[in-house]
Amino acid sequence: MSISILIVEDEALVRLVLVEEINELGWEITEASTVDEALAMLKSGSHFDVVLTDVNTPGNTNGMELAAFLRTTAPGVRIAIMSGLPANEGRHLLCDLYLDKPTWDVGPKLLVLMTAPTNQGVANRVADGEYLPKDHTGAVAIEQVGEEWIVQLMEDGQTHERRFTTRAHAESYADGQKIRLGL
């Protein structure tokens, strides 16, 4: 049985490099240049074992929204997100694999993803070839957006957000949530 992967990347040259690397794995590859195009495929009944998406593509929907859609409609799909934006833990809550751009040697990282236990929404990160699992309930992240500090909490497969005006308040709330969840 071949593994099927949907690659969502708007930059044609980046997509070409990804396709060449993944071709070496013998996987069945489908390409989309925008998240909107990928959503249309998924909503029409297409199924994939893995979805590898860029966070930002042209159109009305981004890669994080695609990940959220997949978590609610196809929880068994492995989600890999890649981004050239600075890494933050918030981006890791909805994906199984987070890749910083530029992304090289993606094939071995995807193999690790497919051999890891099925996680159905557990956030994981592969960094420097290392598989780092996080608990499906209890992943807590703090991120600064403009003047606000946002605490994101993954609990029972749902992402919850609380906004604060100071980092100290955000950290205090996050620490309280970690204690409540036994982390």
Foldseek 3Di string as FASTA:
>chain_A
DAFEEEEEAQDVVLVVQVCVLVVVVVHHYDYHPHVVVVVVCVVVPDDGQEYEYEQDGDDDHGPLVSLVVCLVPPLQRAYEYEYCDDDFCVSQQRHQEYHYPPDDNVNLVVVVSVPDPRDSRWGWYQDPNDIGTDDQFFRWTWDDDVQWIWIWGRHPNDIDIDIDRDPVVNVVVSVVSCVVVVD
